[in-house]
Amino acid sequence: MENFNFKIKNVKLAFVILIILLFVIFLLYYNYVLFKSFAKNQFAKEMIEISDENENSIFNIQKILLYSNATAKDNSKNQSLSNVSLSQYSDISIYIDNTSYITDLTSENTVKELYIDNIVMKSNSDIGTKILNYKNPLNFGKFKEVETPKNNRIDFNIIKNNAENENHDYSKPTFYTDCSNPITLGYLNKDLLTNYSISENSKSISFNGKVLKEANVNLKDINYTVSFKIHIVNNLNQKFVYDMSLDVNLEDDNGGIYNGYVYKGKTTSGKEYRFFKEM
């Protein structure tokens, strides 16, 4: 058998090539084995830290009140009810509990900043124009038009003392630093029916939810879901967020909003109503 002998002419060059190959092998091993293991352990550590931070929630959704009604607007020149537009509206009050974990008022459970964003409204039909914005609590349960919030965001003025409370304009988004007032919002499905004409046999119209039945508006078409994020920054500059989603059903076994209006309240409890502390 013939023997083959290899002789390296340039030992230094071979050594350099060997070092480069070893470095490449180590780099590949690090990227595909060590780095993934490290990233996995780091991710698990961060998840544990986030879970520990949110074990005792500073802010929670305490209660939600919902009032739904409808209204009619006569657009005819002679008030003959020959050109009527119908709108459905809901007033929402959201109460926040900040004392379940910390009983006294501190920098940790008082509010420095509050805003709502990521507003999304959906229903089974595209009829009308859907709007969600702040509503003056003095007008809760009364029809008042609301406008689309700028940049799909509602920024609240924070009231910190009695002097600010006495001189404040509550027609603008307002919230107390101690969470003693609710977040009040108005949902409006404007002009869900236009050019509606009252028949000659009827000389009157209902200016509440009954008008939807009179105009044969299908409630399944205007039942809706509204979702948004509530952001809180406390006086320690810690950030909290809650993903709110409300499924609003205007129907029930007794006729629902067809009878005039629907008023519902819900006292909340459980981890799903906690504000999530952002890291």
C-alpha atoms as a PDB file:
ATOM      1  CA  MET A   1       0.000   0.000   0.000  1.00  0.00           C
ATOM      2  CA  GLU A   2       1.303   3.378  -0.968  1.00  0.00           C
ATOM      3  CA  ASN A   3       1.832   5.847   1.908  1.00  0.00           C
ATOM      4  CA  PHE A   4       0.906   9.499   1.509  1.00  0.00           C
ATOM      5  CA  ASN A   5       2.873  12.022   3.542  1.00  0.00           C
ATOM      6  CA  PHE A   6       1.632  15.593   3.864  1.00  0.00           C
ATOM      7  CA  LYS A   7       4.140  18.234   4.596  1.00  0.00           C
ATOM      8  CA  ILE A   8       3.081  21.704   5.674  1.00  0.00           C
ATOM      9  CA  LYS A   9       5.297  24.191   4.002  1.00  0.00           C
ATOM     10  CA  ASN A  10       3.992  27.287   5.841  1.00  0.00           C
ATOM     11  CA  VAL A  11       3.362  26.400   9.476  1.00  0.00           C
ATOM     12  CA  LYS A  12       2.422  29.960  10.492  1.00  0.00           C
ATOM     13  CA  LEU A  13      -0.226  30.244   7.777  1.00  0.00           C
ATOM     14  CA  ALA A  14      -1.705  26.894   8.745  1.00  0.00           C
ATOM     15  CA  PHE A  15      -1.833  27.966  12.386  1.00  0.00           C
ATOM     16  CA  VAL A  16      -3.646  31.175  11.470  1.00  0.00           C
ATOM     17  CA  ILE A  17      -6.173  29.245   9.374  1.00  0.00           C
ATOM     18  CA  LEU A  18      -6.722  26.806  12.245  1.00  0.00           C
ATOM     19  CA  ILE A  19      -7.371  29.675  14.678  1.00  0.00           C
ATOM     20  CA  ILE A  20      -9.880  31.244  12.249  1.00  0.00           C
ATOM     21  CA  LEU A  21     -11.699  27.910  11.836  1.00  0.00           C
ATOM     22  CA  LEU A  22     -11.903  27.426  15.595  1.00  0.00           C
ATOM     23  CA  PHE A  23     -13.229  30.977  16.000  1.00  0.00           C
ATOM     24  CA  VAL A  24     -15.905  30.400  13.345  1.00  0.00           C
ATOM     25  CA  ILE A  25     -16.926  27.109  14.998  1.00  0.00           C
ATOM     26  CA  PHE A  26     -17.157  28.816  18.400  1.00  0.00           C
ATOM     27  CA  LEU A  27     -19.178  31.700  16.914  1.00  0.00           C
ATOM     28  CA  LEU A  28     -21.640  29.284  15.312  1.00  0.00           C
ATOM     29  CA  TYR A  29     -21.927  27.322  18.556  1.00  0.00           C
ATOM     30  CA  TYR A  30     -22.561  30.521  20.511  1.00  0.00           C
ATOM     31  CA  ASN A  31     -25.244  31.780  18.095  1.00  0.00           C
ATOM     32  CA  TYR A  32     -27.130  28.501  17.770  1.00  0.00           C
ATOM     33  CA  VAL A  33     -26.657  26.979  21.231  1.00  0.00           C
ATOM     34  CA  LEU A  34     -25.360  29.267  23.961  1.00  0.00           C
ATOM     35  CA  PHE A  35     -27.184  32.448  22.863  1.00  0.00           C
ATOM     36  CA  LYS A  36     -30.564  30.705  22.578  1.00  0.00           C
ATOM     37  CA  SER A  37     -30.113  29.151  26.012  1.00  0.00           C
ATOM     38  CA  PHE A  38     -29.118  32.502  27.501  1.00  0.00           C
ATOM     39  CA  ALA A  39     -32.033  34.320  25.829  1.00  0.00           C
ATOM     40  CA  LYS A  40     -34.460  31.671  27.072  1.00  0.00           C
ATOM     41  CA  ASN A  41     -33.191  31.979  30.652  1.00  0.00           C
ATOM     42  CA  GLN A  42     -33.259  35.794  30.453  1.00  0.00           C
ATOM     43  CA  PHE A  43     -36.829  35.751  29.134  1.00  0.00           C
ATOM     44  CA  ALA A  44     -37.915  33.431  31.942  1.00  0.00           C
ATOM     45  CA  LYS A  45     -36.243  35.714  34.494  1.00  0.00           C
ATOM     46  CA  GLU A  46     -38.034  38.780  33.087  1.00  0.00           C
ATOM     47  CA  MET A  47     -41.388  36.972  33.155  1.00  0.00           C
ATOM     48  CA  ILE A  48     -40.856  36.049  36.807  1.00  0.00           C
ATOM     49  CA  GLU A  49     -39.998  39.667  37.641  1.00  0.00           C
ATOM     50  CA  ILE A  50     -43.115  40.940  35.830  1.00  0.00           C
ATOM     51  CA  SER A  51     -45.282  38.360  37.613  1.00  0.00           C
ATOM     52  CA  ASP A  52     -43.847  39.372  40.985  1.00  0.00           C
ATOM     53  CA  GLU A  53     -44.450  43.064  40.256  1.00  0.00           C
ATOM     54  CA  ASN A  54     -48.109  42.399  39.382  1.00  0.00           C
ATOM     55  CA  GLU A  55     -48.889  39.985  42.209  1.00  0.00           C
ATOM     56  CA  ASN A  56     -50.330  42.856  44.246  1.00  0.00           C
ATOM     57  CA  SER A  57     -51.992  45.270  41.857  1.00  0.00           C
ATOM     58  CA  ILE A  58     -52.053  48.961  42.770  1.00  0.00           C
ATOM     59  CA  PHE A  59     -54.967  49.855  40.451  1.00  0.00           C
ATOM     60  CA  ASN A  60     -58.026  47.727  39.645  1.00  0.00           C
ATOM     61  CA  ILE A  61     -61.299  48.161  37.788  1.00  0.00           C
ATOM     62  CA  GLN A  62     -63.865  48.304  40.599  1.00  0.00           C
ATOM     63  CA  LYS A  63     -67.207  48.897  38.886  1.00  0.00           C
ATOM     64  CA  ILE A  64     -68.680  49.625  35.445  1.00  0.00           C
ATOM     65  CA  LEU A  65     -72.008  51.378  34.829  1.00  0.00           C
ATOM     66  CA  LEU A  66     -73.613  51.450  31.393  1.00  0.00           C
ATOM     67  CA  TYR A  67     -76.662  53.469  30.328  1.00  0.00           C
ATOM     68  CA  SER A  68     -77.946  53.038  26.758  1.00  0.00           C
ATOM     69  CA  ASN A  69     -80.679  54.992  24.996  1.00  0.00           C
ATOM     70  CA  ALA A  70     -81.533  56.497  21.620  1.00  0.00           C
ATOM     71  CA  THR A  71     -82.751  59.805  20.259  1.00  0.00           C
ATOM     72  CA  ALA A  72     -84.320  61.339  17.183  1.00  0.00           C
ATOM     73  CA  LYS A  73     -83.610  64.616  15.422  1.00  0.00           C
ATOM     74  CA  ASP A  74     -86.167  66.253  13.161  1.00  0.00           C
ATOM     75  CA  ASN A  75     -84.351  67.820  10.200  1.00  0.00           C
ATOM     76  CA  SER A  76     -87.463  68.862   8.261  1.00  0.00           C
ATOM     77  CA  LYS A  77     -87.966  72.607   7.745  1.00  0.00           C
ATOM     78  CA  ASN A  78     -91.555  72.696   8.973  1.00  0.00           C
ATOM     79  CA  GLN A  79     -91.064  70.192  11.818  1.00  0.00           C
ATOM     80  CA  SER A  80     -93.296  67.749   9.987  1.00  0.00           C
ATOM     81  CA  LEU A  81     -91.252  64.691  11.019  1.00  0.00           C
ATOM     82  CA  SER A  82     -90.671  63.939   7.348  1.00  0.00           C
ATOM     83  CA  ASN A  83     -86.874  63.929   7.639  1.00  0.00           C
ATOM     84  CA  VAL A  84     -85.746  62.394  10.918  1.00  0.00           C
ATOM     85  CA  SER A  85     -82.334  60.997  11.815  1.00  0.00           C
ATOM     86  CA  LEU A  86     -81.891  58.437  14.592  1.00  0.00           C
ATOM     87  CA  SER A  87     -78.862  57.923  16.837  1.00  0.00           C
ATOM     88  CA  GLN A  88     -78.073  55.420  19.576  1.00  0.00           C
ATOM     89  CA  TYR A  89     -75.858  56.393  22.504  1.00  0.00           C
ATOM     90  CA  SER A  90     -74.392  54.825  25.629  1.00  0.00           C
ATOM     91  CA  ASP A  91     -72.852  56.485  28.672  1.00  0.00           C
ATOM     92  CA  ILE A  92     -70.080  54.555  30.421  1.00  0.00           C
ATOM     93  CA  SER A  93     -68.734  55.086  33.948  1.00  0.00           C
ATOM     94  CA  ILE A  94     -65.598  53.191  34.963  1.00  0.00           C
ATOM     95  CA  TYR A  95     -64.592  53.260  38.635  1.00  0.00           C
ATOM     96  CA  ILE A  96     -60.981  52.535  39.631  1.00  0.00           C
ATOM     97  CA  ASP A  97     -59.992  51.094  43.014  1.00  0.00           C
ATOM     98  CA  ASN A  98     -56.575  52.220  44.282  1.00  0.00           C
ATOM     99  CA  THR A  99     -56.864  51.168  47.938  1.00  0.00           C
ATOM    100  CA  SER A 100     -57.222  47.371  47.866  1.00  0.00           C
ATOM    101  CA  TYR A 101     -53.444  46.899  48.276  1.00  0.00           C
ATOM    102  CA  ILE A 102     -52.428  50.268  49.753  1.00  0.00           C
ATOM    103  CA  THR A 103     -55.066  51.694  52.082  1.00  0.00           C
ATOM    104  CA  ASP A 104     -53.540  55.160  52.516  1.00  0.00           C
ATOM    105  CA  LEU A 105     -52.968  57.651  49.725  1.00  0.00           C
ATOM    106  CA  THR A 106     -49.332  57.639  48.680  1.00  0.00           C
ATOM    107  CA  SER A 107     -47.264  58.564  45.653  1.00  0.00           C
ATOM    108  CA  GLU A 108     -47.642  54.949  44.554  1.00  0.00           C
ATOM    109  CA  ASN A 109     -51.445  54.788  44.359  1.00  0.00           C
ATOM    110  CA  THR A 110     -52.260  58.348  43.250  1.00  0.00           C
ATOM    111  CA  VAL A 111     -52.517  59.376  39.616  1.00  0.00           C
ATOM    112  CA  LYS A 112     -50.191  61.786  37.876  1.00  0.00           C
ATOM    113  CA  GLU A 113     -51.294  61.056  34.308  1.00  0.00           C
ATOM    114  CA  LEU A 114     -54.255  59.270  32.723  1.00  0.00           C
ATOM    115  CA  TYR A 115     -55.072  58.723  29.061  1.00  0.00           C
ATOM    116  CA  ILE A 116     -57.027  56.363  26.810  1.00  0.00           C
ATOM    117  CA  ASP A 117     -55.904  55.194  23.383  1.00  0.00           C
ATOM    118  CA  ASN A 118     -56.249  52.306  20.901  1.00  0.00           C
ATOM    119  CA  ILE A 119     -60.008  52.876  20.647  1.00  0.00           C
ATOM    120  CA  VAL A 120     -61.747  50.294  18.445  1.00  0.00           C
ATOM    121  CA  MET A 121     -65.523  49.990  17.881  1.00  0.00           C
ATOM    122  CA  LYS A 122     -67.188  47.105  16.069  1.00  0.00           C
ATOM    123  CA  SER A 123     -70.757  46.031  15.346  1.00  0.00           C
ATOM    124  CA  ASN A 124     -72.541  43.638  13.009  1.00  0.00           C
ATOM    125  CA  SER A 125     -73.221  46.395  10.496  1.00  0.00           C
ATOM    126  CA  ASP A 126     -71.584  49.544   9.183  1.00  0.00           C
ATOM    127  CA  ILE A 127     -74.639  51.765   9.623  1.00  0.00           C
ATOM    128  CA  GLY A 128     -74.071  55.077  11.365  1.00  0.00           C
ATOM    129  CA  THR A 129     -70.894  56.783  12.548  1.00  0.00           C
ATOM    130  CA  LYS A 130     -69.409  55.344  15.726  1.00  0.00           C
ATOM    131  CA  ILE A 131     -67.628  57.677  18.175  1.00  0.00           C
ATOM    132  CA  LEU A 132     -66.205  57.222  21.679  1.00  0.00           C
ATOM    133  CA  ASN A 133     -64.936  60.162  23.730  1.00  0.00           C
ATOM    134  CA  TYR A 134     -65.027  61.740  27.176  1.00  0.00           C
ATOM    135  CA  LYS A 135     -68.438  62.847  28.444  1.00  0.00           C
ATOM    136  CA  ASN A 136     -69.148  65.375  31.178  1.00  0.00           C
ATOM    137  CA  PRO A 137     -70.419  63.353  34.187  1.00  0.00           C
ATOM    138  CA  LEU A 138     -73.112  66.009  34.760  1.00  0.00           C
ATOM    139  CA  ASN A 139     -74.650  64.877  31.462  1.00  0.00           C
ATOM    140  CA  PHE A 140     -74.616  61.158  32.270  1.00  0.00           C
ATOM    141  CA  GLY A 141     -77.886  59.670  31.051  1.00  0.00           C
ATOM    142  CA  LYS A 142     -78.657  62.671  28.837  1.00  0.00           C
ATOM    143  CA  PHE A 143     -78.107  62.858  25.105  1.00  0.00           C
ATOM    144  CA  LYS A 144     -75.123  65.029  24.234  1.00  0.00           C
ATOM    145  CA  GLU A 145     -73.140  64.714  21.038  1.00  0.00           C
ATOM    146  CA  VAL A 146     -69.490  63.706  21.349  1.00  0.00           C
ATOM    147  CA  GLU A 147     -66.758  64.306  18.809  1.00  0.00           C
ATOM    148  CA  THR A 148     -64.065  61.946  17.591  1.00  0.00           C
ATOM    149  CA  PRO A 149     -60.984  62.339  19.838  1.00  0.00           C
ATOM    150  CA  LYS A 150     -57.878  63.767  18.224  1.00  0.00           C
ATOM    151  CA  ASN A 151     -55.350  61.091  17.274  1.00  0.00           C
ATOM    152  CA  ASN A 152     -57.727  58.471  18.706  1.00  0.00           C
ATOM    153  CA  ARG A 153     -56.562  59.407  22.213  1.00  0.00           C
ATOM    154  CA  ILE A 154     -58.263  60.969  25.261  1.00  0.00           C
ATOM    155  CA  ASP A 155     -55.965  62.829  27.684  1.00  0.00           C
ATOM    156  CA  PHE A 156     -57.393  63.621  31.130  1.00  0.00           C
ATOM    157  CA  ASN A 157     -56.665  66.646  33.283  1.00  0.00           C
ATOM    158  CA  ILE A 158     -55.685  65.463  36.762  1.00  0.00           C
ATOM    159  CA  ILE A 159     -57.241  67.313  39.709  1.00  0.00           C
ATOM    160  CA  LYS A 160     -54.829  67.321  42.654  1.00  0.00           C
ATOM    161  CA  ASN A 161     -56.424  69.620  45.241  1.00  0.00           C
ATOM    162  CA  ASN A 162     -59.646  71.402  46.213  1.00  0.00           C
ATOM    163  CA  ALA A 163     -58.616  74.682  44.580  1.00  0.00           C
ATOM    164  CA  GLU A 164     -58.224  72.996  41.204  1.00  0.00           C
ATOM    165  CA  ASN A 165     -61.550  71.238  41.731  1.00  0.00           C
ATOM    166  CA  GLU A 166     -63.452  74.493  42.361  1.00  0.00           C
ATOM    167  CA  ASN A 167     -62.071  76.236  39.290  1.00  0.00           C
ATOM    168  CA  HIS A 168     -62.085  73.364  36.828  1.00  0.00           C
ATOM    169  CA  ASP A 169     -64.062  73.008  33.588  1.00  0.00           C
ATOM    170  CA  TYR A 170     -65.616  69.523  33.725  1.00  0.00           C
ATOM    171  CA  SER A 171     -66.639  69.637  30.095  1.00  0.00           C
ATOM    172  CA  LYS A 172     -63.010  68.623  29.459  1.00  0.00           C
ATOM    173  CA  PRO A 173     -61.627  65.190  30.389  1.00  0.00           C
ATOM    174  CA  THR A 174     -61.181  65.192  34.163  1.00  0.00           C
ATOM    175  CA  PHE A 175     -59.945  62.705  36.745  1.00  0.00           C
ATOM    176  CA  TYR A 176     -59.044  63.047  40.436  1.00  0.00           C
ATOM    177  CA  THR A 177     -55.565  62.042  41.560  1.00  0.00           C
ATOM    178  CA  ASP A 178     -57.086  59.904  44.360  1.00  0.00           C
ATOM    179  CA  CYS A 179     -59.336  57.976  41.916  1.00  0.00           C
ATOM    180  CA  SER A 180     -62.472  59.197  43.734  1.00  0.00           C
ATOM    181  CA  ASN A 181     -64.399  59.938  40.520  1.00  0.00           C
ATOM    182  CA  PRO A 182     -65.127  57.583  37.636  1.00  0.00           C
ATOM    183  CA  ILE A 183     -63.843  57.777  34.082  1.00  0.00           C
ATOM    184  CA  THR A 184     -66.925  58.913  32.152  1.00  0.00           C
ATOM    185  CA  LEU A 185     -67.179  58.172  28.439  1.00  0.00           C
ATOM    186  CA  GLY A 186     -69.837  58.635  25.807  1.00  0.00           C
ATOM    187  CA  TYR A 187     -70.421  56.220  22.917  1.00  0.00           C
ATOM    188  CA  LEU A 188     -72.453  57.519  19.991  1.00  0.00           C
ATOM    189  CA  ASN A 189     -73.650  55.757  16.868  1.00  0.00           C
ATOM    190  CA  LYS A 190     -74.682  58.890  15.021  1.00  0.00           C
ATOM    191  CA  ASP A 191     -77.229  58.899  12.189  1.00  0.00           C
ATOM    192  CA  LEU A 192     -77.678  55.141  12.140  1.00  0.00           C
ATOM    193  CA  LEU A 193     -80.875  55.922  10.244  1.00  0.00           C
ATOM    194  CA  THR A 194     -81.463  59.085   8.191  1.00  0.00           C
ATOM    195  CA  ASN A 195     -84.347  60.472   6.152  1.00  0.00           C
ATOM    196  CA  TYR A 196     -86.761  58.539   8.298  1.00  0.00           C
ATOM    197  CA  SER A 197     -90.331  59.743   7.821  1.00  0.00           C
ATOM    198  CA  ILE A 198     -93.143  59.349  10.305  1.00  0.00           C
ATOM    199  CA  SER A 199     -96.227  57.793   8.718  1.00  0.00           C
ATOM    200  CA  GLU A 200     -99.378  59.851   8.276  1.00  0.00           C
ATOM    201  CA  ASN A 201    -101.157  57.616  10.780  1.00  0.00           C
ATOM    202  CA  SER A 202     -98.731  58.633  13.496  1.00  0.00           C
ATOM    203  CA  LYS A 203     -98.265  62.262  14.492  1.00  0.00           C
ATOM    204  CA  SER A 204     -95.667  61.701  17.202  1.00  0.00           C
ATOM    205  CA  ILE A 205     -92.265  60.101  17.695  1.00  0.00           C
ATOM    206  CA  SER A 206     -90.456  58.737  20.739  1.00  0.00           C
ATOM    207  CA  PHE A 207     -87.247  60.497  21.701  1.00  0.00           C
ATOM    208  CA  ASN A 208     -85.773  57.444  23.429  1.00  0.00           C
ATOM    209  CA  GLY A 209     -85.016  53.818  22.648  1.00  0.00           C
ATOM    210  CA  LYS A 210     -88.618  53.144  21.620  1.00  0.00           C
ATOM    211  CA  VAL A 211     -87.948  55.026  18.392  1.00  0.00           C
ATOM    212  CA  LEU A 212     -85.657  52.180  17.278  1.00  0.00           C
ATOM    213  CA  LYS A 213     -88.594  49.790  17.434  1.00  0.00           C
ATOM    214  CA  GLU A 214     -90.872  52.287  15.691  1.00  0.00           C
ATOM    215  CA  ALA A 215     -88.338  52.590  12.863  1.00  0.00           C
ATOM    216  CA  ASN A 216     -87.775  48.805  12.692  1.00  0.00           C
ATOM    217  CA  VAL A 217     -84.081  49.074  13.542  1.00  0.00           C
ATOM    218  CA  ASN A 218     -82.699  45.578  14.147  1.00  0.00           C
ATOM    219  CA  LEU A 219     -80.878  45.618  17.493  1.00  0.00           C
ATOM    220  CA  LYS A 220     -78.552  42.827  16.375  1.00  0.00           C
ATOM    221  CA  ASP A 221     -77.204  45.250  13.780  1.00  0.00           C
ATOM    222  CA  ILE A 222     -76.300  47.915  16.328  1.00  0.00           C
ATOM    223  CA  ASN A 223     -75.118  45.793  19.281  1.00  0.00           C
ATOM    224  CA  TYR A 224     -71.456  46.657  19.550  1.00  0.00           C
ATOM    225  CA  THR A 225     -68.085  45.957  21.113  1.00  0.00           C
ATOM    226  CA  VAL A 226     -65.804  48.788  22.164  1.00  0.00           C
ATOM    227  CA  SER A 227     -62.216  48.249  23.277  1.00  0.00           C
ATOM    228  CA  PHE A 228     -59.483  50.619  24.406  1.00  0.00           C
ATOM    229  CA  LYS A 229     -56.442  50.867  26.661  1.00  0.00           C
ATOM    230  CA  ILE A 230     -56.482  52.842  29.926  1.00  0.00           C
ATOM    231  CA  HIS A 231     -53.037  54.142  30.852  1.00  0.00           C
ATOM    232  CA  ILE A 232     -52.104  55.386  34.325  1.00  0.00           C
ATOM    233  CA  VAL A 233     -48.850  56.977  35.452  1.00  0.00           C
ATOM    234  CA  ASN A 234     -48.574  57.314  39.228  1.00  0.00           C
ATOM    235  CA  ASN A 235     -46.627  59.937  41.162  1.00  0.00           C
ATOM    236  CA  LEU A 236     -43.588  57.651  41.210  1.00  0.00           C
ATOM    237  CA  ASN A 237     -43.677  57.716  37.387  1.00  0.00           C
ATOM    238  CA  GLN A 238     -44.565  54.028  37.299  1.00  0.00           C
ATOM    239  CA  LYS A 239     -46.744  53.030  34.348  1.00  0.00           C
ATOM    240  CA  PHE A 240     -49.844  50.843  34.408  1.00  0.00           C
ATOM    241  CA  VAL A 241     -52.190  49.745  31.619  1.00  0.00           C
ATOM    242  CA  TYR A 242     -55.549  47.979  31.385  1.00  0.00           C
ATOM    243  CA  ASP A 243     -57.086  46.521  28.206  1.00  0.00           C
ATOM    244  CA  MET A 244     -60.802  47.257  28.404  1.00  0.00           C
ATOM    245  CA  SER A 245     -63.289  45.416  26.219  1.00  0.00           C
ATOM    246  CA  LEU A 246     -67.051  45.930  26.552  1.00  0.00           C
ATOM    247  CA  ASP A 247     -69.645  43.869  24.699  1.00  0.00           C
ATOM    248  CA  VAL A 248     -72.817  45.965  24.728  1.00  0.00           C
ATOM    249  CA  ASN A 249     -76.045  44.049  24.134  1.00  0.00           C
ATOM    250  CA  LEU A 250     -79.086  46.294  23.706  1.00  0.00           C
ATOM    251  CA  GLU A 251     -81.441  43.320  23.829  1.00  0.00           C
ATOM    252  CA  ASP A 252     -82.971  41.274  26.636  1.00  0.00           C
ATOM    253  CA  ASP A 253     -86.014  39.072  27.223  1.00  0.00           C
ATOM    254  CA  ASN A 254     -88.138  42.090  28.158  1.00  0.00           C
ATOM    255  CA  GLY A 255     -87.388  44.060  24.992  1.00  0.00           C
ATOM    256  CA  GLY A 256     -84.214  45.824  26.017  1.00  0.00           C
ATOM    257  CA  ILE A 257     -83.729  49.299  24.628  1.00  0.00           C
ATOM    258  CA  TYR A 258     -87.029  48.976  22.708  1.00  0.00           C
ATOM    259  CA  ASN A 259     -88.694  49.774  26.062  1.00  0.00           C
ATOM    260  CA  GLY A 260     -86.921  53.135  26.292  1.00  0.00           C
ATOM    261  CA  TYR A 261     -83.454  52.580  27.771  1.00  0.00           C
ATOM    262  CA  VAL A 262     -81.119  49.982  29.294  1.00  0.00           C
ATOM    263  CA  TYR A 263     -79.192  50.553  32.529  1.00  0.00           C
ATOM    264  CA  LYS A 264     -76.683  47.975  33.720  1.00  0.00           C
ATOM    265  CA  GLY A 265     -74.078  47.863  36.459  1.00  0.00           C
ATOM    266  CA  LYS A 266     -71.295  45.416  37.175  1.00  0.00           C
ATOM    267  CA  THR A 267     -69.097  45.171  40.256  1.00  0.00           C
ATOM    268  CA  THR A 268     -65.867  43.547  39.143  1.00  0.00           C
ATOM    269  CA  SER A 269     -63.448  41.223  40.903  1.00  0.00           C
ATOM    270  CA  GLY A 270     -60.615  38.927  39.891  1.00  0.00           C
ATOM    271  CA  LYS A 271     -57.179  39.158  38.317  1.00  0.00           C
ATOM    272  CA  GLU A 272     -58.618  39.983  34.900  1.00  0.00           C
ATOM    273  CA  TYR A 273     -59.578  43.440  36.214  1.00  0.00           C
ATOM    274  CA  ARG A 274     -56.101  44.384  37.398  1.00  0.00           C
ATOM    275  CA  PHE A 275     -54.035  47.093  35.790  1.00  0.00           C
ATOM    276  CA  PHE A 276     -50.799  45.626  34.459  1.00  0.00           C
ATOM    277  CA  LYS A 277     -47.608  47.301  35.659  1.00  0.00           C
ATOM    278  CA  GLU A 278     -45.295  47.997  32.746  1.00  0.00           C
ATOM    279  CA  MET A 279     -41.603  47.215  33.221  1.00  0.00           C
END
